[in-house]
Amino acid sequence: MWSFDGCCGRRGDAIVETRSRHVPGTACSDPGGTVTAPSAHLGDYLRARRALVRPTDVAIISSRTRRVPGLRRSEVAQLAGISQEYYLRLEQGRDRRPSHQVLAAIGRALLLDPVAVEHMHRLAELDEHDAPYAVPAKAAVVDGLTDLVDGLTDLPALVISADQDVLAANPLARLVRPRLQPGSNVLFELFSSHGRADAVAWADDARRAVANLRFHGDPRSTRYQEVVGTLAIRDDTFRTLWARHDVERQVVWPAQIRVGTLGAVDFVCHSLAVPGPSGQSLVTLTAKAGSAGARLLQHARRRSAAAPGPAAAVA
């Protein structure tokens, strides 16, 4: 998919991609004209990230008044070592088969980290195939995961889908995070009034959660579209964060939560990706020994052991 296959040449210092195919439903009257494509995930991403890079970030000094935020297309093309016309085709969705070499060069030009470059490759693959895609409104838990989660008796544990739906939660998780019950959605909870009230560093939590959804979710998924569309209608902050196209792969991160009369309690979240195509993750909460979080977890363990089954949240 990504090899050059002998179809790239060089013109001066620019890489010139000569491999291009007609995209059904795409029309362009001139290089600056309007393009209508069945999907242009990569183009949307490139435009958003280009607008976030300041010229001074890449040692560009310009005396002319700039009419656009961030970098010009010509500047990205020059920094990446590709032709301006080819970069324009990528942003407009008229070329849907960029090579690994070209995407890596654009990633360097836009100062993208490895996770963002991985995301950019995935978007390019989605655009190339442009296949219709739909998933059930609620994803099913991967076989065996529910038993695994319930068997973790010392840690709160949840199974989260790629669209941030809570698919399973063990008794400790239900006690410590009572609003994250199976059937809820992490982002819907976070962007609610009580989610804002519970989070000590809500702005950081929101930025991280939105970036995590964009990295893990599939934009063709009907559930993904439902989550994004609902939040975009409801919340101005979500719209602002979503427009940045930030991506983040959450592995280990801090969470500071207000818990009843205890006030702010510190936890550490760990996310383990479930092997396979499901996009599901196993998320656990731990706390530093001797901390309020550790004492809260110990209290939750005693309550869970004394009263198996549904229980009220710890306070």
C-alpha atoms as a PDB file:
ATOM      1  CA  MET A   1       0.000   0.000   0.000  1.00  0.00           C
ATOM      2  CA  TRP A   2       2.708   2.400   0.998  1.00  0.00           C
ATOM      3  CA  SER A   3       5.602   1.431  -1.281  1.00  0.00           C
ATOM      4  CA  PHE A   4       6.720   3.706  -4.070  1.00  0.00           C
ATOM      5  CA  ASP A   5       6.540   0.935  -6.688  1.00  0.00           C
ATOM      6  CA  GLY A   6       8.717   2.932  -9.022  1.00  0.00           C
ATOM      7  CA  CYS A   7       6.139   5.670  -9.392  1.00  0.00           C
ATOM      8  CA  CYS A   8       7.918   8.553  -7.718  1.00  0.00           C
ATOM      9  CA  GLY A   9      10.499  10.773  -9.271  1.00  0.00           C
ATOM     10  CA  ARG A  10      12.450  13.804  -8.109  1.00  0.00           C
ATOM     11  CA  ARG A  11      12.211  17.314  -9.426  1.00  0.00           C
ATOM     12  CA  GLY A  12      14.879  19.457  -7.818  1.00  0.00           C
ATOM     13  CA  ASP A  13      14.681  18.850  -4.066  1.00  0.00           C
ATOM     14  CA  ALA A  14      10.979  17.950  -4.059  1.00  0.00           C
ATOM     15  CA  ILE A  15       9.503  14.489  -4.048  1.00  0.00           C
ATOM     16  CA  VAL A  16       6.954  14.313  -6.831  1.00  0.00           C
ATOM     17  CA  GLU A  17       4.332  11.583  -6.516  1.00  0.00           C
ATOM     18  CA  THR A  18       3.159  10.481  -9.954  1.00  0.00           C
ATOM     19  CA  ARG A  19       0.907   7.714  -8.737  1.00  0.00           C
ATOM     20  CA  SER A  20      -2.627   9.032  -8.445  1.00  0.00           C
ATOM     21  CA  ARG A  21      -6.018   7.595  -9.172  1.00  0.00           C
ATOM     22  CA  HIS A  22      -9.387   9.107  -9.840  1.00  0.00           C
ATOM     23  CA  VAL A  23     -11.541   9.162  -6.742  1.00  0.00           C
ATOM     24  CA  PRO A  24     -15.226   8.589  -7.512  1.00  0.00           C
ATOM     25  CA  GLY A  25     -17.282  11.553  -6.443  1.00  0.00           C
ATOM     26  CA  THR A  26     -14.319  13.930  -6.490  1.00  0.00           C
ATOM     27  CA  ALA A  27     -14.411  17.020  -8.646  1.00  0.00           C
ATOM     28  CA  CYS A  28     -12.025  19.958  -8.886  1.00  0.00           C
ATOM     29  CA  SER A  29     -12.228  22.707 -11.452  1.00  0.00           C
ATOM     30  CA  ASP A  30      -8.825  24.187 -10.662  1.00  0.00           C
ATOM     31  CA  PRO A  31      -6.062  23.795  -8.056  1.00  0.00           C
ATOM     32  CA  GLY A  32      -7.784  26.328  -5.824  1.00  0.00           C
ATOM     33  CA  GLY A  33     -11.304  25.113  -6.503  1.00  0.00           C
ATOM     34  CA  THR A  34     -13.772  23.269  -4.373  1.00  0.00           C
ATOM     35  CA  VAL A  35     -13.319  19.553  -3.919  1.00  0.00           C
ATOM     36  CA  THR A  36     -16.109  17.184  -3.008  1.00  0.00           C
ATOM     37  CA  ALA A  37     -14.787  13.806  -1.958  1.00  0.00           C
ATOM     38  CA  PRO A  38     -16.443  10.833  -0.311  1.00  0.00           C
ATOM     39  CA  SER A  39     -13.981  11.192   2.567  1.00  0.00           C
ATOM     40  CA  ALA A  40     -10.913  13.315   3.213  1.00  0.00           C
ATOM     41  CA  HIS A  41      -9.872  12.393   6.712  1.00  0.00           C
ATOM     42  CA  LEU A  42      -6.199  13.012   5.984  1.00  0.00           C
ATOM     43  CA  GLY A  43      -6.885  16.381   4.358  1.00  0.00           C
ATOM     44  CA  ASP A  44      -8.935  17.564   7.335  1.00  0.00           C
ATOM     45  CA  TYR A  45      -6.153  16.503   9.662  1.00  0.00           C
ATOM     46  CA  LEU A  46      -3.415  18.207   7.649  1.00  0.00           C
ATOM     47  CA  ARG A  47      -5.314  21.490   7.501  1.00  0.00           C
ATOM     48  CA  ALA A  48      -5.988  21.471  11.246  1.00  0.00           C
ATOM     49  CA  ARG A  49      -2.406  20.674  12.197  1.00  0.00           C
ATOM     50  CA  ARG A  50      -0.934  23.136   9.693  1.00  0.00           C
ATOM     51  CA  ALA A  51      -2.939  25.916  11.326  1.00  0.00           C
ATOM     52  CA  LEU A  52      -1.421  25.097  14.725  1.00  0.00           C
ATOM     53  CA  VAL A  53       2.239  25.395  13.713  1.00  0.00           C
ATOM     54  CA  ARG A  54       3.610  28.916  14.025  1.00  0.00           C
ATOM     55  CA  PRO A  55       6.189  29.982  11.442  1.00  0.00           C
ATOM     56  CA  THR A  56       8.680  30.710  14.222  1.00  0.00           C
ATOM     57  CA  ASP A  57       8.309  27.101  15.419  1.00  0.00           C
ATOM     58  CA  VAL A  58      10.025  25.957  12.221  1.00  0.00           C
ATOM     59  CA  ALA A  59      12.422  28.902  11.847  1.00  0.00           C
ATOM     60  CA  ILE A  60      10.389  30.715   9.186  1.00  0.00           C
ATOM     61  CA  ILE A  61      10.629  34.498   9.347  1.00  0.00           C
ATOM     62  CA  SER A  62       8.245  36.449   7.137  1.00  0.00           C
ATOM     63  CA  SER A  63       7.894  40.192   6.789  1.00  0.00           C
ATOM     64  CA  ARG A  64       4.608  39.913   4.914  1.00  0.00           C
ATOM     65  CA  THR A  65       1.247  40.033   6.624  1.00  0.00           C
ATOM     66  CA  ARG A  66      -0.072  36.485   6.985  1.00  0.00           C
ATOM     67  CA  ARG A  67      -3.718  35.937   6.096  1.00  0.00           C
ATOM     68  CA  VAL A  68      -3.940  32.421   7.489  1.00  0.00           C
ATOM     69  CA  PRO A  69      -3.088  30.986  10.904  1.00  0.00           C
ATOM     70  CA  GLY A  70      -0.101  28.715  11.067  1.00  0.00           C
ATOM     71  CA  LEU A  71       1.862  27.668   8.024  1.00  0.00           C
ATOM     72  CA  ARG A  72       1.027  28.139   4.373  1.00  0.00           C
ATOM     73  CA  ARG A  73       0.684  25.064   2.185  1.00  0.00           C
ATOM     74  CA  SER A  74       3.781  26.104   0.279  1.00  0.00           C
ATOM     75  CA  GLU A  75       5.776  26.236   3.509  1.00  0.00           C
ATOM     76  CA  VAL A  76       4.697  22.753   4.575  1.00  0.00           C
ATOM     77  CA  ALA A  77       5.569  21.430   1.138  1.00  0.00           C
ATOM     78  CA  GLN A  78       8.993  23.066   1.236  1.00  0.00           C
ATOM     79  CA  LEU A  79       9.729  21.769   4.739  1.00  0.00           C
ATOM     80  CA  ALA A  80       8.620  18.265   3.751  1.00  0.00           C
ATOM     81  CA  GLY A  81      10.549  18.288   0.486  1.00  0.00           C
ATOM     82  CA  ILE A  82       7.505  17.616  -1.683  1.00  0.00           C
ATOM     83  CA  SER A  83       5.922  19.655  -4.431  1.00  0.00           C
ATOM     84  CA  GLN A  84       3.370  22.278  -3.493  1.00  0.00           C
ATOM     85  CA  GLU A  85       0.890  20.926  -6.041  1.00  0.00           C
ATOM     86  CA  TYR A  86       1.133  17.429  -4.597  1.00  0.00           C
ATOM     87  CA  TYR A  87       0.635  18.666  -1.033  1.00  0.00           C
ATOM     88  CA  LEU A  88      -2.442  20.577  -2.227  1.00  0.00           C
ATOM     89  CA  ARG A  89      -3.838  17.362  -3.704  1.00  0.00           C
ATOM     90  CA  LEU A  90      -3.370  15.617  -0.357  1.00  0.00           C
ATOM     91  CA  GLU A  91      -5.236  18.322   1.559  1.00  0.00           C
ATOM     92  CA  GLN A  92      -8.036  18.319  -0.987  1.00  0.00           C
ATOM     93  CA  GLY A  93      -8.354  14.535  -1.013  1.00  0.00           C
ATOM     94  CA  ARG A  94      -7.469  14.271  -4.697  1.00  0.00           C
ATOM     95  CA  ASP A  95      -4.483  12.019  -4.020  1.00  0.00           C
ATOM     96  CA  ARG A  96      -5.340   9.220  -1.631  1.00  0.00           C
ATOM     97  CA  ARG A  97      -2.262   6.999  -1.729  1.00  0.00           C
ATOM     98  CA  PRO A  98       0.647   8.884  -0.112  1.00  0.00           C
ATOM     99  CA  SER A  99       3.707   6.802   0.625  1.00  0.00           C
ATOM    100  CA  HIS A 100       5.242   6.184   4.030  1.00  0.00           C
ATOM    101  CA  GLN A 101       8.128   8.425   3.004  1.00  0.00           C
ATOM    102  CA  VAL A 102       5.853  11.345   2.167  1.00  0.00           C
ATOM    103  CA  LEU A 103       3.780  11.012   5.337  1.00  0.00           C
ATOM    104  CA  ALA A 104       6.925  10.822   7.474  1.00  0.00           C
ATOM    105  CA  ALA A 105       8.245  13.977   5.814  1.00  0.00           C
ATOM    106  CA  ILE A 106       4.974  15.833   6.393  1.00  0.00           C
ATOM    107  CA  GLY A 107       4.978  14.636   9.997  1.00  0.00           C
ATOM    108  CA  ARG A 108       8.404  16.200  10.517  1.00  0.00           C
ATOM    109  CA  ALA A 109       7.290  19.427   8.846  1.00  0.00           C
ATOM    110  CA  LEU A 110       4.249  19.686  11.118  1.00  0.00           C
ATOM    111  CA  LEU A 111       6.247  18.743  14.248  1.00  0.00           C
ATOM    112  CA  LEU A 112       4.113  15.662  14.882  1.00  0.00           C
ATOM    113  CA  ASP A 113       5.056  13.106  17.511  1.00  0.00           C
ATOM    114  CA  PRO A 114       5.142   9.365  16.692  1.00  0.00           C
ATOM    115  CA  VAL A 115       1.558   8.804  17.890  1.00  0.00           C
ATOM    116  CA  ALA A 116       0.284  11.599  15.629  1.00  0.00           C
ATOM    117  CA  VAL A 117       2.240  10.200  12.679  1.00  0.00           C
ATOM    118  CA  GLU A 118       0.716   6.768  13.309  1.00  0.00           C
ATOM    119  CA  HIS A 119      -2.712   8.394  13.343  1.00  0.00           C
ATOM    120  CA  MET A 120      -1.959  10.180  10.076  1.00  0.00           C
ATOM    121  CA  HIS A 121      -1.054   6.873   8.417  1.00  0.00           C
ATOM    122  CA  ARG A 122      -4.332   5.369   9.615  1.00  0.00           C
ATOM    123  CA  LEU A 123      -6.328   8.269   8.156  1.00  0.00           C
ATOM    124  CA  ALA A 124      -4.560   7.875   4.826  1.00  0.00           C
ATOM    125  CA  GLU A 125      -5.474   4.194   4.791  1.00  0.00           C
ATOM    126  CA  LEU A 126      -9.126   4.995   5.523  1.00  0.00           C
ATOM    127  CA  ASP A 127      -9.197   7.502   2.667  1.00  0.00           C
ATOM    128  CA  GLU A 128      -7.611   5.089   0.218  1.00  0.00           C
ATOM    129  CA  HIS A 129     -10.142   2.334   0.813  1.00  0.00           C
ATOM    130  CA  ASP A 130     -13.113   4.635   1.516  1.00  0.00           C
ATOM    131  CA  ALA A 131     -15.272   1.626   2.372  1.00  0.00           C
ATOM    132  CA  PRO A 132     -18.642   2.052   4.057  1.00  0.00           C
ATOM    133  CA  TYR A 133     -18.495   0.916   7.637  1.00  0.00           C
ATOM    134  CA  ALA A 134     -20.993   0.468  10.436  1.00  0.00           C
ATOM    135  CA  VAL A 135     -20.855  -1.149  13.845  1.00  0.00           C
ATOM    136  CA  PRO A 136     -23.587  -1.999  16.320  1.00  0.00           C
ATOM    137  CA  ALA A 137     -24.713   0.927  18.462  1.00  0.00           C
ATOM    138  CA  LYS A 138     -23.089  -0.795  21.445  1.00  0.00           C
ATOM    139  CA  ALA A 139     -20.002  -2.963  21.026  1.00  0.00           C
ATOM    140  CA  ALA A 140     -19.900  -6.382  22.669  1.00  0.00           C
ATOM    141  CA  VAL A 141     -17.225  -7.210  25.217  1.00  0.00           C
ATOM    142  CA  VAL A 142     -14.479  -9.444  23.868  1.00  0.00           C
ATOM    143  CA  ASP A 143     -14.998 -13.025  25.057  1.00  0.00           C
ATOM    144  CA  GLY A 144     -13.451 -13.663  28.461  1.00  0.00           C
ATOM    145  CA  LEU A 145     -12.883 -10.030  29.379  1.00  0.00           C
ATOM    146  CA  THR A 146     -15.836  -9.764  31.746  1.00  0.00           C
ATOM    147  CA  ASP A 147     -14.602 -12.771  33.736  1.00  0.00           C
ATOM    148  CA  LEU A 148     -11.097 -11.287  33.802  1.00  0.00           C
ATOM    149  CA  VAL A 149     -12.370  -7.935  35.063  1.00  0.00           C
ATOM    150  CA  ASP A 150     -14.560  -9.511  37.746  1.00  0.00           C
ATOM    151  CA  GLY A 151     -11.603 -11.645  38.840  1.00  0.00           C
ATOM    152  CA  LEU A 152      -9.523  -8.555  39.637  1.00  0.00           C
ATOM    153  CA  THR A 153     -10.558  -8.173  43.254  1.00  0.00           C
ATOM    154  CA  ASP A 154      -7.783  -5.788  44.366  1.00  0.00           C
ATOM    155  CA  LEU A 155      -8.142  -3.110  41.680  1.00  0.00           C
ATOM    156  CA  PRO A 156     -11.005  -1.179  40.125  1.00  0.00           C
ATOM    157  CA  ALA A 157     -11.121  -2.367  36.498  1.00  0.00           C
ATOM    158  CA  LEU A 158     -13.238  -1.462  33.486  1.00  0.00           C
ATOM    159  CA  VAL A 159     -13.448  -2.426  29.826  1.00  0.00           C
ATOM    160  CA  ILE A 160     -13.700   0.616  27.561  1.00  0.00           C
ATOM    161  CA  SER A 161     -14.534   0.551  23.854  1.00  0.00           C
ATOM    162  CA  ALA A 162     -12.744   2.554  21.172  1.00  0.00           C
ATOM    163  CA  ASP A 163     -15.678   4.991  21.315  1.00  0.00           C
ATOM    164  CA  GLN A 164     -15.200   5.310  25.102  1.00  0.00           C
ATOM    165  CA  ASP A 165     -18.296   3.330  26.075  1.00  0.00           C
ATOM    166  CA  VAL A 166     -18.006   1.447  29.373  1.00  0.00           C
ATOM    167  CA  LEU A 167     -18.629  -2.191  28.492  1.00  0.00           C
ATOM    168  CA  ALA A 168     -17.828  -3.856  31.815  1.00  0.00           C
ATOM    169  CA  ALA A 169     -16.853  -2.836  35.358  1.00  0.00           C
ATOM    170  CA  ASN A 170     -15.934  -4.908  38.394  1.00  0.00           C
ATOM    171  CA  PRO A 171     -17.444  -4.282  41.851  1.00  0.00           C
ATOM    172  CA  LEU A 172     -14.535  -2.086  42.977  1.00  0.00           C
ATOM    173  CA  ALA A 173     -14.874   0.136  39.915  1.00  0.00           C
ATOM    174  CA  ARG A 174     -18.606   0.478  40.551  1.00  0.00           C
ATOM    175  CA  LEU A 175     -17.860   1.605  44.098  1.00  0.00           C
ATOM    176  CA  VAL A 176     -15.030   4.030  43.302  1.00  0.00           C
ATOM    177  CA  ARG A 177     -16.400   5.402  40.008  1.00  0.00           C
ATOM    178  CA  PRO A 178     -20.161   4.899  40.333  1.00  0.00           C
ATOM    179  CA  ARG A 179     -21.019   7.021  37.293  1.00  0.00           C
ATOM    180  CA  LEU A 180     -18.915   4.839  34.994  1.00  0.00           C
ATOM    181  CA  GLN A 181     -21.311   1.914  34.947  1.00  0.00           C
ATOM    182  CA  PRO A 182     -21.643  -0.398  31.932  1.00  0.00           C
ATOM    183  CA  GLY A 183     -23.751   1.443  29.382  1.00  0.00           C
ATOM    184  CA  SER A 184     -22.275   4.844  30.193  1.00  0.00           C
ATOM    185  CA  ASN A 185     -19.729   6.731  28.090  1.00  0.00           C
ATOM    186  CA  VAL A 186     -16.534   8.236  29.511  1.00  0.00           C
ATOM    187  CA  LEU A 187     -16.806  11.446  27.474  1.00  0.00           C
ATOM    188  CA  PHE A 188     -20.505  11.956  28.104  1.00  0.00           C
ATOM    189  CA  GLU A 189     -19.784  11.701  31.829  1.00  0.00           C
ATOM    190  CA  LEU A 190     -16.722  13.932  31.697  1.00  0.00           C
ATOM    191  CA  PHE A 191     -18.485  16.687  29.754  1.00  0.00           C
ATOM    192  CA  SER A 192     -21.509  16.666  32.065  1.00  0.00           C
ATOM    193  CA  SER A 193     -22.042  19.109  34.930  1.00  0.00           C
ATOM    194  CA  HIS A 194     -21.213  16.487  37.564  1.00  0.00           C
ATOM    195  CA  GLY A 195     -18.170  15.391  35.567  1.00  0.00           C
ATOM    196  CA  ARG A 196     -16.843  18.927  35.663  1.00  0.00           C
ATOM    197  CA  ALA A 197     -17.566  19.132  39.397  1.00  0.00           C
ATOM    198  CA  ASP A 198     -15.856  15.802  40.200  1.00  0.00           C
ATOM    199  CA  ALA A 199     -12.634  16.457  38.268  1.00  0.00           C
ATOM    200  CA  VAL A 200      -9.950  18.533  39.972  1.00  0.00           C
ATOM    201  CA  ALA A 201      -8.037  19.221  36.746  1.00  0.00           C
ATOM    202  CA  TRP A 202     -10.981  19.051  34.364  1.00  0.00           C
ATOM    203  CA  ALA A 203      -9.341  20.923  31.466  1.00  0.00           C
ATOM    204  CA  ASP A 204      -6.426  18.460  31.364  1.00  0.00           C
ATOM    205  CA  ASP A 205      -8.758  15.482  31.696  1.00  0.00           C
ATOM    206  CA  ALA A 206     -10.969  16.789  28.866  1.00  0.00           C
ATOM    207  CA  ARG A 207      -8.046  17.437  26.521  1.00  0.00           C
ATOM    208  CA  ARG A 208      -6.642  13.980  27.185  1.00  0.00           C
ATOM    209  CA  ALA A 209      -9.976  12.201  26.769  1.00  0.00           C
ATOM    210  CA  VAL A 210     -10.835  13.927  23.485  1.00  0.00           C
ATOM    211  CA  ALA A 211      -7.380  13.170  22.061  1.00  0.00           C
ATOM    212  CA  ASN A 212      -7.746   9.546  23.149  1.00  0.00           C
ATOM    213  CA  LEU A 213     -11.108   9.198  21.398  1.00  0.00           C
ATOM    214  CA  ARG A 214      -9.712  10.642  18.181  1.00  0.00           C
ATOM    215  CA  PHE A 215      -6.740   8.277  18.260  1.00  0.00           C
ATOM    216  CA  HIS A 216      -8.648   5.084  19.030  1.00  0.00           C
ATOM    217  CA  GLY A 217     -11.980   5.698  17.310  1.00  0.00           C
ATOM    218  CA  ASP A 218     -12.853   4.927  13.714  1.00  0.00           C
ATOM    219  CA  PRO A 219     -14.517   7.949  12.042  1.00  0.00           C
ATOM    220  CA  ARG A 220     -16.624   5.584   9.923  1.00  0.00           C
ATOM    221  CA  SER A 221     -18.187   4.021  13.015  1.00  0.00           C
ATOM    222  CA  THR A 222     -21.799   4.993  13.613  1.00  0.00           C
ATOM    223  CA  ARG A 223     -21.241   5.050  17.383  1.00  0.00           C
ATOM    224  CA  TYR A 224     -18.162   7.265  17.000  1.00  0.00           C
ATOM    225  CA  GLN A 225     -20.197   9.682  14.892  1.00  0.00           C
ATOM    226  CA  GLU A 226     -22.975   9.633  17.490  1.00  0.00           C
ATOM    227  CA  VAL A 227     -20.610  10.429  20.368  1.00  0.00           C
ATOM    228  CA  VAL A 228     -18.798  13.212  18.499  1.00  0.00           C
ATOM    229  CA  GLY A 229     -21.976  14.688  17.051  1.00  0.00           C
ATOM    230  CA  THR A 230     -23.799  14.744  20.373  1.00  0.00           C
ATOM    231  CA  LEU A 231     -20.926  16.395  22.224  1.00  0.00           C
ATOM    232  CA  ALA A 232     -20.309  18.877  19.425  1.00  0.00           C
ATOM    233  CA  ILE A 233     -23.909  20.051  19.735  1.00  0.00           C
ATOM    234  CA  ARG A 234     -23.874  20.176  23.529  1.00  0.00           C
ATOM    235  CA  ASP A 235     -20.487  21.578  24.448  1.00  0.00           C
ATOM    236  CA  ASP A 236     -18.407  24.528  23.209  1.00  0.00           C
ATOM    237  CA  THR A 237     -15.230  23.249  24.857  1.00  0.00           C
ATOM    238  CA  PHE A 238     -15.556  19.892  23.158  1.00  0.00           C
ATOM    239  CA  ARG A 239     -15.941  21.593  19.770  1.00  0.00           C
ATOM    240  CA  THR A 240     -12.792  23.626  20.370  1.00  0.00           C
ATOM    241  CA  LEU A 241     -10.766  20.602  21.442  1.00  0.00           C
ATOM    242  CA  TRP A 242     -12.097  18.438  18.628  1.00  0.00           C
ATOM    243  CA  ALA A 243     -11.158  21.030  16.000  1.00  0.00           C
ATOM    244  CA  ARG A 244      -7.501  20.779  17.020  1.00  0.00           C
ATOM    245  CA  HIS A 245      -7.274  17.125  15.902  1.00  0.00           C
ATOM    246  CA  ASP A 246      -4.962  16.298  18.824  1.00  0.00           C
ATOM    247  CA  VAL A 247      -4.335  12.591  19.354  1.00  0.00           C
ATOM    248  CA  GLU A 248      -3.023  10.724  22.365  1.00  0.00           C
ATOM    249  CA  ARG A 249      -2.568   7.072  23.193  1.00  0.00           C
ATOM    250  CA  GLN A 250      -3.377   6.801  26.874  1.00  0.00           C
ATOM    251  CA  VAL A 251      -1.237   4.222  28.671  1.00  0.00           C
ATOM    252  CA  VAL A 252      -0.537   5.618  32.152  1.00  0.00           C
ATOM    253  CA  TRP A 253      -1.947   8.928  33.357  1.00  0.00           C
ATOM    254  CA  PRO A 254      -2.872  10.684  36.624  1.00  0.00           C
ATOM    255  CA  ALA A 255      -6.473  11.207  37.674  1.00  0.00           C
ATOM    256  CA  GLN A 256      -7.441  13.483  40.531  1.00  0.00           C
ATOM    257  CA  ILE A 257     -11.089  13.082  41.519  1.00  0.00           C
ATOM    258  CA  ARG A 258     -13.287  14.619  44.188  1.00  0.00           C
ATOM    259  CA  VAL A 259     -14.828  11.816  46.215  1.00  0.00           C
ATOM    260  CA  GLY A 260     -17.578  12.756  48.658  1.00  0.00           C
ATOM    261  CA  THR A 261     -16.305  14.084  51.976  1.00  0.00           C
ATOM    262  CA  LEU A 262     -12.739  12.968  51.205  1.00  0.00           C
ATOM    263  CA  GLY A 263     -12.200  15.790  48.734  1.00  0.00           C
ATOM    264  CA  ALA A 264      -9.504  15.455  46.044  1.00  0.00           C
ATOM    265  CA  VAL A 265      -8.140  11.910  45.737  1.00  0.00           C
ATOM    266  CA  ASP A 266      -5.215  10.954  43.487  1.00  0.00           C
ATOM    267  CA  PHE A 267      -5.239   7.827  41.345  1.00  0.00           C
ATOM    268  CA  VAL A 268      -3.074   6.459  38.565  1.00  0.00           C
ATOM    269  CA  CYS A 269      -4.900   5.000  35.548  1.00  0.00           C
ATOM    270  CA  HIS A 270      -3.391   2.229  33.440  1.00  0.00           C
ATOM    271  CA  SER A 271      -4.806   1.250  30.054  1.00  0.00           C
ATOM    272  CA  LEU A 272      -3.941  -2.018  28.338  1.00  0.00           C
ATOM    273  CA  ALA A 273      -5.056  -2.474  24.742  1.00  0.00           C
ATOM    274  CA  VAL A 274      -6.946  -5.706  24.116  1.00  0.00           C
ATOM    275  CA  PRO A 275      -5.251  -7.626  21.271  1.00  0.00           C
ATOM    276  CA  GLY A 276      -7.255  -7.838  18.079  1.00  0.00           C
ATOM    277  CA  PRO A 277      -9.411  -5.486  16.056  1.00  0.00           C
ATOM    278  CA  SER A 278     -11.996  -4.605  18.733  1.00  0.00           C
ATOM    279  CA  GLY A 279     -10.254  -1.419  19.874  1.00  0.00           C
ATOM    280  CA  GLN A 280     -11.215  -2.234  23.472  1.00  0.00           C
ATOM    281  CA  SER A 281      -9.001  -1.443  26.483  1.00  0.00           C
ATOM    282  CA  LEU A 282      -8.722  -2.776  30.003  1.00  0.00           C
ATOM    283  CA  VAL A 283      -8.419   0.197  32.372  1.00  0.00           C
ATOM    284  CA  THR A 284      -7.382  -0.124  36.021  1.00  0.00           C
ATOM    285  CA  LEU A 285      -6.972   2.382  38.867  1.00  0.00           C
ATOM    286  CA  THR A 286      -4.131   2.264  41.371  1.00  0.00           C
ATOM    287  CA  ALA A 287      -2.953   4.642  44.080  1.00  0.00           C
ATOM    288  CA  LYS A 288       0.340   5.426  45.760  1.00  0.00           C
ATOM    289  CA  ALA A 289       0.883   3.544  49.022  1.00  0.00           C
ATOM    290  CA  GLY A 290      -0.168   5.581  52.020  1.00  0.00           C
ATOM    291  CA  SER A 291      -2.164   8.075  49.989  1.00  0.00           C
ATOM    292  CA  ALA A 292      -5.826   8.997  50.363  1.00  0.00           C
ATOM    293  CA  GLY A 293      -6.444   7.052  47.162  1.00  0.00           C
ATOM    294  CA  ALA A 294      -4.873   3.920  48.639  1.00  0.00           C
ATOM    295  CA  ARG A 295      -6.993   4.253  51.774  1.00  0.00           C
ATOM    296  CA  LEU A 296     -10.114   4.719  49.653  1.00  0.00           C
ATOM    297  CA  LEU A 297      -9.313   1.576  47.641  1.00  0.00           C
ATOM    298  CA  GLN A 298      -8.740  -0.396  50.847  1.00  0.00           C
ATOM    299  CA  HIS A 299     -12.074   0.796  52.206  1.00  0.00           C
ATOM    300  CA  ALA A 300     -13.774  -0.183  48.926  1.00  0.00           C
ATOM    301  CA  ARG A 301     -12.210  -3.659  49.092  1.00  0.00           C
ATOM    302  CA  ARG A 302     -13.594  -4.232  52.581  1.00  0.00           C
ATOM    303  CA  ARG A 303     -17.059  -3.079  51.536  1.00  0.00           C
ATOM    304  CA  SER A 304     -16.987  -5.225  48.414  1.00  0.00           C
ATOM    305  CA  ALA A 305     -15.912  -8.308  50.371  1.00  0.00           C
ATOM    306  CA  ALA A 306     -18.498  -7.746  53.081  1.00  0.00           C
ATOM    307  CA  ALA A 307     -21.395  -7.103  50.737  1.00  0.00           C
ATOM    308  CA  PRO A 308     -20.902  -8.837  47.357  1.00  0.00           C
ATOM    309  CA  GLY A 309     -23.122  -7.617  44.562  1.00  0.00           C
ATOM    310  CA  PRO A 310     -24.334  -4.085  43.839  1.00  0.00           C
ATOM    311  CA  ALA A 311     -23.279  -1.565  46.469  1.00  0.00           C
ATOM    312  CA  ALA A 312     -23.470   2.139  47.069  1.00  0.00           C
ATOM    313  CA  ALA A 313     -20.512   4.304  46.109  1.00  0.00           C
ATOM    314  CA  VAL A 314     -17.828   4.942  48.672  1.00  0.00           C
ATOM    315  CA  ALA A 315     -17.752   8.459  50.102  1.00  0.00           C
END
